[in-house]
Amino acid sequence: MSKSELPIGYTWQYCRTAGYEIAACIKYSMADLYDPDKGWIETDDVLVEVIRATDWKAPGQVWRFNPYDKDSLLSDFAGMEMSNDSILEFINKYGLFYDINDEGFASSQLEEYNGRPLKSGEFTKKGTLYRFHSADDLKNLRNEISKAKAAIRILDIINHDNEDIIVRRINGTYSIGRLDSQAVALIFPDLGRIIARVGNAVEGYSKNEQIDISYQFVRHLISKHTQDNGVTLTLLPYQTTSSSAVKLQPFITPRNLMGVIWHLIANEASSAYGLRRCEECGTWFRFMKQNARTCGPTCRKRISRKAQAV
C-alpha cells in the first residue's frame, strides 16, 4: 500500500524483544462450581502446550507496530510450515497470534451444575484461565493456522480464468467429501481435514461441482473466522498529513494478529494480483499475470530447462 492510499486496516501488535518459547502450561477446566459452604469446587487441571514469552517471569521490553504495514506478513504466513519450530520463528518475528491474558477469562451464570439445579447462593464460572501472561495455546493455534492456510491455497487455485486448469489444480491439492447436507470436508495431504458448513445449493460460481463447492467452502470459512477473530468496521480519527484537518475514516480493526491474517486472506478473494505458490521452489509470491507460474526469472529458467530435457 502506498503512502498516499488510505489504510484499510488498523490495529496494534505487541512483540516481546526477548522472544518466545514453547512450554507446558496449566489450563483450568471449564465450568467450576462455587458452593457457599465449600468454596470453589474445581475439576482436575489440564496440561497444555503453549507458546509464551521467554521473559514471562519478569516482562521486559516490547515493540509495537501496525501489522498492516508489514507487506511480507501474509506471504510469510503462507510459507510457514506446520512444524513447531516454523510457527515459533513466525511468532518471534510478528508476535503472538492471540496473546491470551490469564486475567481475561469469561464469567457466566448457569442454571444448573452437573444436571442438577443450583442451590441458593451457588453460582458457576465458565472460561479458560491460563497461569501465564502472553501465551498462545499451541493445539488450538495449529488448528486455526491449518484453516487459514487452506483458505489461501483455495483462493490461489480458483483465481484463474481457465476452469480446466482450476480442476486439475484442485485434484492435485485436495479432495472433496460431503459429510452431510450442511457440511463439506476438504482433505489436504499436509493440513489434514478442514470442515466448513456448505449446503447443497448451487451458488452459480461454476457449472463444475468441484469449483462451485470450493468457492462456497472458502466463503464460509473466511466469513466465520473473520467474525470469530473480531474483524469489525469502526470509525477512527485520521489525517492524510500531519498538518491536515482531522476527519473520520472507516477502518477494519481486528482483535488480534490472527484477525489481521484472516482479513488479508479475505482481501485476496477480490485481488487482481493474489498470492501464488512458485511451481519450482514453493515460495509464495504476488503474481502480476494470470499465467505466472514462478516467483522470478531463476525459477522460470529452471522449469524451462527441465521441460527441454524431457
Protein backbone atom coordinates (compact mmCIF):
# COMPACT_ATOMS: atom_id res chain seq x y z
CA MET A 1 0.00 0.00 0.00
CA SER A 2 1.42 3.39 -0.96
CA LYS A 3 1.67 6.26 1.49
CA SER A 4 -0.99 8.22 -0.40
CA GLU A 5 -3.64 5.50 -0.05
CA LEU A 6 -5.98 5.36 2.90
CA PRO A 7 -5.26 2.27 5.02
CA ILE A 8 -7.97 -0.39 5.15
CA GLY A 9 -6.86 -1.95 8.41
CA TYR A 10 -5.53 -0.62 11.67
CA THR A 11 -4.53 -2.27 14.92
CA TRP A 12 -1.55 -2.51 17.25
CA GLN A 13 0.50 -5.67 17.65
CA TYR A 14 2.95 -6.11 20.53
CA CYS A 15 6.05 -8.29 20.23
CA ARG A 16 8.41 -9.18 23.08
CA THR A 17 12.01 -8.32 22.25
CA ALA A 18 13.20 -11.24 24.41
CA GLY A 19 11.44 -13.69 22.08
CA TYR A 20 9.15 -16.65 22.69
CA GLU A 21 9.37 -20.33 23.59
CA ILE A 22 7.21 -23.46 23.75
CA ALA A 23 6.35 -24.57 27.28
CA ALA A 24 3.86 -26.58 29.32
CA CYS A 25 1.00 -24.64 30.89
CA ILE A 26 -1.79 -25.37 33.35
CA LYS A 27 -5.24 -24.70 31.92
CA TYR A 28 -8.08 -24.66 34.43
CA SER A 29 -11.07 -26.79 33.48
CA MET A 30 -14.38 -25.35 32.35
CA ALA A 31 -17.49 -24.83 34.50
CA ASP A 32 -16.21 -24.78 38.09
CA LEU A 33 -18.81 -24.51 40.86
CA TYR A 34 -18.87 -22.14 43.80
CA ASP A 35 -20.59 -23.57 46.88
CA PRO A 36 -21.35 -21.20 49.81
CA ASP A 37 -20.15 -23.81 52.32
CA LYS A 38 -17.23 -25.40 50.42
CA GLY A 39 -16.00 -22.51 48.27
CA TRP A 40 -14.82 -23.20 44.71
CA ILE A 41 -15.15 -26.81 43.59
CA GLU A 42 -12.67 -27.34 40.76
CA THR A 43 -12.20 -30.29 38.45
CA ASP A 44 -8.72 -31.51 37.51
CA ASP A 45 -6.37 -29.09 35.79
CA VAL A 46 -5.38 -29.82 32.21
CA LEU A 47 -1.79 -29.58 30.96
CA VAL A 48 -1.44 -27.97 27.54
CA GLU A 49 1.43 -26.75 25.35
CA VAL A 50 1.64 -23.01 24.83
CA ILE A 51 3.91 -20.51 23.16
CA ARG A 52 4.83 -17.90 25.73
CA ALA A 53 7.29 -15.03 26.14
CA THR A 54 10.69 -16.18 27.38
CA ASP A 55 10.69 -13.31 29.90
CA TRP A 56 7.26 -14.18 31.33
CA LYS A 57 8.56 -14.08 34.94
CA ALA A 58 9.82 -10.53 34.55
CA PRO A 59 8.32 -8.99 31.39
CA GLY A 60 10.85 -6.85 29.56
CA GLN A 61 10.69 -4.60 26.54
CA VAL A 62 8.09 -4.84 23.79
CA TRP A 63 7.94 -3.20 20.39
CA ARG A 64 4.66 -2.05 18.92
CA PHE A 65 3.69 -1.92 15.26
CA ASN A 66 0.70 -1.95 12.92
CA PRO A 67 0.81 -5.38 11.21
CA TYR A 68 -0.89 -3.90 8.14
CA ASP A 69 2.38 -2.06 7.46
CA LYS A 70 4.21 -5.38 7.07
CA ASP A 71 3.98 -6.23 3.36
CA SER A 72 5.50 -9.68 3.91
CA LEU A 73 3.07 -10.74 6.67
CA LEU A 74 0.68 -12.83 4.56
CA SER A 75 3.35 -14.35 2.29
CA ASP A 76 5.42 -15.29 5.37
CA PHE A 77 2.33 -16.87 6.92
CA ALA A 78 1.52 -18.79 3.72
CA GLY A 79 5.10 -20.08 3.53
CA MET A 80 5.27 -21.02 7.22
CA GLU A 81 5.50 -24.78 7.77
CA MET A 82 3.30 -26.58 10.31
CA SER A 83 6.25 -27.57 12.49
CA ASN A 84 6.63 -26.08 15.97
CA ASP A 85 9.97 -24.51 15.00
CA SER A 86 8.47 -22.76 11.97
CA ILE A 87 5.47 -21.45 13.95
CA LEU A 88 7.81 -20.23 16.69
CA GLU A 89 10.02 -18.48 14.12
CA PHE A 90 6.97 -16.64 12.74
CA ILE A 91 5.86 -15.58 16.24
CA ASN A 92 9.36 -14.33 17.09
CA LYS A 93 9.07 -12.05 14.05
CA TYR A 94 5.45 -10.89 14.37
CA GLY A 95 4.35 -11.64 17.96
CA LEU A 96 1.64 -13.91 19.32
CA PHE A 97 -1.48 -14.67 17.27
CA TYR A 98 -3.90 -14.29 20.20
CA ASP A 99 -1.91 -13.24 23.28
CA ILE A 100 -4.21 -14.83 25.90
CA ASN A 101 -4.18 -12.99 29.20
CA ASP A 102 -4.58 -15.04 32.34
CA GLU A 103 -6.89 -12.45 33.89
CA GLY A 104 -9.26 -12.34 30.95
CA PHE A 105 -11.43 -15.43 31.43
CA ALA A 106 -15.16 -15.10 30.79
CA SER A 107 -17.75 -15.39 33.54
CA SER A 108 -21.27 -16.68 33.02
CA GLN A 109 -24.30 -17.56 35.13
CA LEU A 110 -25.63 -21.07 34.50
CA GLU A 111 -28.93 -22.56 35.61
CA GLU A 112 -27.61 -25.97 36.65
CA TYR A 113 -24.42 -27.85 37.51
CA ASN A 114 -23.87 -31.50 36.54
CA GLY A 115 -27.56 -31.88 35.73
CA ARG A 116 -28.98 -30.52 38.99
CA PRO A 117 -30.45 -27.05 39.65
CA LEU A 118 -28.24 -24.60 41.50
CA LYS A 119 -28.93 -24.05 45.18
CA SER A 120 -29.43 -20.60 46.67
CA GLY A 121 -26.08 -18.80 46.87
CA GLU A 122 -24.33 -21.04 44.33
CA PHE A 123 -23.01 -19.76 41.03
CA THR A 124 -20.74 -21.07 38.30
CA LYS A 125 -17.97 -19.72 36.13
CA LYS A 126 -17.07 -20.65 32.58
CA GLY A 127 -13.95 -19.91 30.67
CA THR A 128 -10.32 -20.74 30.14
CA LEU A 129 -7.82 -19.46 32.68
CA TYR A 130 -4.10 -19.61 31.90
CA ARG A 131 -1.36 -19.35 34.52
CA PHE A 132 0.91 -17.45 32.16
CA HIS A 133 0.51 -13.97 30.75
CA SER A 134 1.00 -13.75 26.98
CA ALA A 135 0.54 -17.32 25.77
CA ASP A 136 -0.95 -18.98 22.67
CA ASP A 137 -2.47 -22.45 23.07
CA LEU A 138 -0.41 -24.42 20.54
CA LYS A 139 -3.01 -27.10 19.76
CA ASN A 140 -5.79 -24.60 19.03
CA LEU A 141 -3.35 -22.36 17.17
CA ARG A 142 -2.25 -25.15 14.83
CA ASN A 143 -5.90 -25.90 14.05
CA GLU A 144 -6.58 -22.25 13.16
CA ILE A 145 -3.39 -21.97 11.11
CA SER A 146 -4.39 -25.05 9.08
CA LYS A 147 -7.74 -23.48 8.20
CA ALA A 148 -6.18 -20.16 7.21
CA LYS A 149 -3.57 -21.91 5.05
CA ALA A 150 -6.34 -23.95 3.39
CA ALA A 151 -8.19 -20.72 2.53
CA ILE A 152 -5.06 -19.21 0.95
CA ARG A 153 -4.50 -22.31 -1.20
CA ILE A 154 -8.13 -22.47 -2.34
CA LEU A 155 -8.08 -18.80 -3.37
CA ASP A 156 -4.83 -19.36 -5.23
CA ILE A 157 -6.41 -22.27 -7.13
CA ILE A 158 -9.72 -20.67 -8.09
CA ASN A 159 -8.11 -17.35 -9.06
CA HIS A 160 -7.67 -18.47 -12.67
CA ASP A 161 -9.63 -17.91 -15.88
CA ASN A 162 -9.28 -21.47 -17.22
CA GLU A 163 -11.63 -23.94 -15.47
CA ASP A 164 -9.72 -26.97 -16.79
CA ILE A 165 -6.61 -25.68 -15.03
CA ILE A 166 -8.63 -24.98 -11.86
CA VAL A 167 -9.98 -28.55 -11.77
CA ARG A 168 -6.53 -30.01 -12.40
CA ARG A 169 -5.09 -27.93 -9.56
CA ILE A 170 -7.94 -28.89 -7.21
CA ASN A 171 -7.30 -32.59 -7.88
CA GLY A 172 -3.60 -32.08 -7.21
CA THR A 173 -4.11 -30.17 -3.94
CA TYR A 174 -7.13 -31.54 -2.03
CA SER A 175 -10.02 -33.97 -2.22
CA ILE A 176 -13.64 -33.01 -1.52
CA GLY A 177 -16.07 -35.07 0.55
CA ARG A 178 -19.59 -34.21 1.71
CA LEU A 179 -20.24 -35.16 5.35
CA ASP A 180 -23.97 -34.36 5.31
CA SER A 181 -26.40 -31.93 3.69
CA GLN A 182 -24.81 -28.97 5.51
CA ALA A 183 -21.10 -29.80 5.80
CA VAL A 184 -18.21 -30.44 3.42
CA ALA A 185 -14.67 -31.61 4.20
CA LEU A 186 -11.59 -30.76 2.17
CA ILE A 187 -8.66 -33.11 2.78
CA PHE A 188 -5.12 -31.80 2.29
CA PRO A 189 -2.11 -34.13 2.50
CA ASP A 190 -0.25 -31.86 4.95
CA LEU A 191 -3.08 -29.89 6.61
CA GLY A 192 -5.49 -32.77 7.20
CA ARG A 193 -9.26 -32.46 7.07
CA ILE A 194 -10.79 -28.97 7.05
CA ILE A 195 -14.56 -28.73 7.54
CA ALA A 196 -16.96 -25.90 6.68
CA ARG A 197 -20.72 -25.60 6.56
CA VAL A 198 -21.70 -25.77 2.88
CA GLY A 199 -25.27 -26.62 1.85
CA ASN A 200 -26.47 -28.44 -1.25
CA ALA A 201 -27.48 -25.25 -3.07
CA VAL A 202 -25.50 -24.23 -6.14
CA GLU A 203 -24.40 -20.58 -5.88
CA GLY A 204 -23.52 -20.22 -9.55
CA TYR A 205 -19.76 -19.74 -9.42
CA SER A 206 -19.32 -22.52 -11.96
CA LYS A 207 -21.22 -25.41 -13.54
CA ASN A 208 -18.41 -27.63 -12.34
CA GLU A 209 -19.32 -29.03 -8.91
CA GLN A 210 -15.74 -29.09 -7.59
CA ILE A 211 -15.21 -25.42 -8.43
CA ASP A 212 -18.60 -24.31 -7.08
CA ILE A 213 -18.06 -26.18 -3.79
CA SER A 214 -14.55 -24.70 -3.48
CA TYR A 215 -15.96 -21.17 -3.82
CA GLN A 216 -18.68 -21.85 -1.26
CA PHE A 217 -16.24 -23.54 1.10
CA VAL A 218 -13.73 -20.69 1.17
CA ARG A 219 -16.52 -18.10 1.50
CA HIS A 220 -17.96 -19.81 4.59
CA LEU A 221 -14.51 -20.49 6.06
CA ILE A 222 -13.31 -16.90 5.77
CA SER A 223 -16.62 -15.38 6.90
CA LYS A 224 -16.71 -17.49 10.07
CA HIS A 225 -13.13 -16.88 11.14
CA THR A 226 -13.10 -13.15 10.43
CA GLN A 227 -16.09 -12.87 12.76
CA ASP A 228 -14.54 -15.19 15.37
CA ASN A 229 -11.41 -13.01 15.50
CA GLY A 230 -13.24 -9.72 15.87
CA VAL A 231 -12.67 -8.28 12.39
CA THR A 232 -15.01 -5.31 12.60
CA LEU A 233 -15.51 -1.93 10.93
CA THR A 234 -15.18 1.21 13.01
CA LEU A 235 -14.65 4.96 12.60
CA LEU A 236 -11.36 6.47 13.76
CA PRO A 237 -9.83 9.95 13.53
CA TYR A 238 -7.50 10.21 10.53
CA GLN A 239 -5.11 12.74 9.00
CA THR A 240 -3.69 12.45 5.48
CA THR A 241 -0.71 14.62 6.59
CA SER A 242 0.46 15.95 9.93
CA SER A 243 -0.87 19.44 9.04
CA SER A 244 -4.22 18.42 7.52
CA ALA A 245 -7.55 18.54 9.33
CA VAL A 246 -8.58 15.52 11.39
CA LYS A 247 -11.52 13.66 9.85
CA LEU A 248 -13.34 10.40 10.43
CA GLN A 249 -12.24 7.42 8.36
CA PRO A 250 -13.62 3.84 8.38
CA PHE A 251 -11.06 1.22 9.38
CA ILE A 252 -11.08 -2.54 9.80
CA THR A 253 -9.88 -3.21 13.36
CA PRO A 254 -9.22 -6.91 14.13
CA ARG A 255 -8.96 -8.06 17.73
CA ASN A 256 -5.66 -9.89 17.26
CA LEU A 257 -2.97 -10.86 14.74
CA MET A 258 -4.97 -13.87 13.55
CA GLY A 259 -7.82 -11.49 12.74
CA VAL A 260 -5.43 -9.39 10.64
CA ILE A 261 -4.38 -12.51 8.72
CA TRP A 262 -7.99 -13.57 8.07
CA HIS A 263 -8.79 -10.04 6.88
CA LEU A 264 -5.83 -10.09 4.48
CA ILE A 265 -6.93 -13.51 3.22
CA ALA A 266 -10.44 -12.13 2.61
CA ASN A 267 -8.91 -9.32 0.53
CA GLU A 268 -7.21 -11.95 -1.65
CA ALA A 269 -10.64 -13.05 -2.93
CA SER A 270 -11.05 -9.81 -4.89
CA SER A 271 -7.41 -9.01 -5.56
CA ALA A 272 -6.26 -8.85 -9.17
CA TYR A 273 -2.76 -9.76 -8.01
CA GLY A 274 -3.13 -12.56 -5.50
CA LEU A 275 -0.66 -14.84 -3.77
CA ARG A 276 0.58 -17.87 -5.69
CA ARG A 277 2.96 -20.68 -4.87
CA CYS A 278 6.00 -20.99 -7.13
CA GLU A 279 5.88 -24.28 -9.01
CA GLU A 280 9.66 -24.63 -8.78
CA CYS A 281 10.78 -23.59 -5.27
CA GLY A 282 7.46 -23.41 -3.39
CA THR A 283 7.87 -19.77 -2.33
CA TRP A 284 4.67 -17.72 -2.13
CA PHE A 285 4.75 -14.61 -4.32
CA ARG A 286 2.30 -11.98 -5.56
CA PHE A 287 1.69 -12.56 -9.27
CA MET A 288 1.21 -9.80 -11.83
CA LYS A 289 -0.06 -12.06 -14.64
CA GLN A 290 -2.71 -14.80 -14.54
CA ASN A 291 -0.39 -17.31 -16.22
CA ALA A 292 2.53 -16.69 -13.83
CA ARG A 293 3.96 -19.98 -12.58
CA THR A 294 7.17 -18.97 -10.82
CA CYS A 295 8.41 -16.37 -8.36
CA GLY A 296 11.09 -14.99 -10.65
CA PRO A 297 13.43 -15.50 -13.62
CA THR A 298 15.68 -18.01 -11.84
CA CYS A 299 12.87 -20.49 -11.20
CA ARG A 300 11.36 -19.77 -14.62
CA LYS A 301 14.65 -20.78 -16.28
CA ARG A 302 14.87 -23.94 -14.17
CA ILE A 303 11.40 -25.06 -15.25
CA SER A 304 12.25 -24.24 -18.87
CA ARG A 305 15.43 -26.36 -18.70
CA LYS A 306 13.51 -29.28 -17.17
CA ALA A 307 10.91 -29.10 -19.95
CA GLN A 308 13.63 -29.08 -22.62
CA ALA A 309 15.36 -32.08 -21.04
CA VAL A 310 12.22 -34.24 -21.29
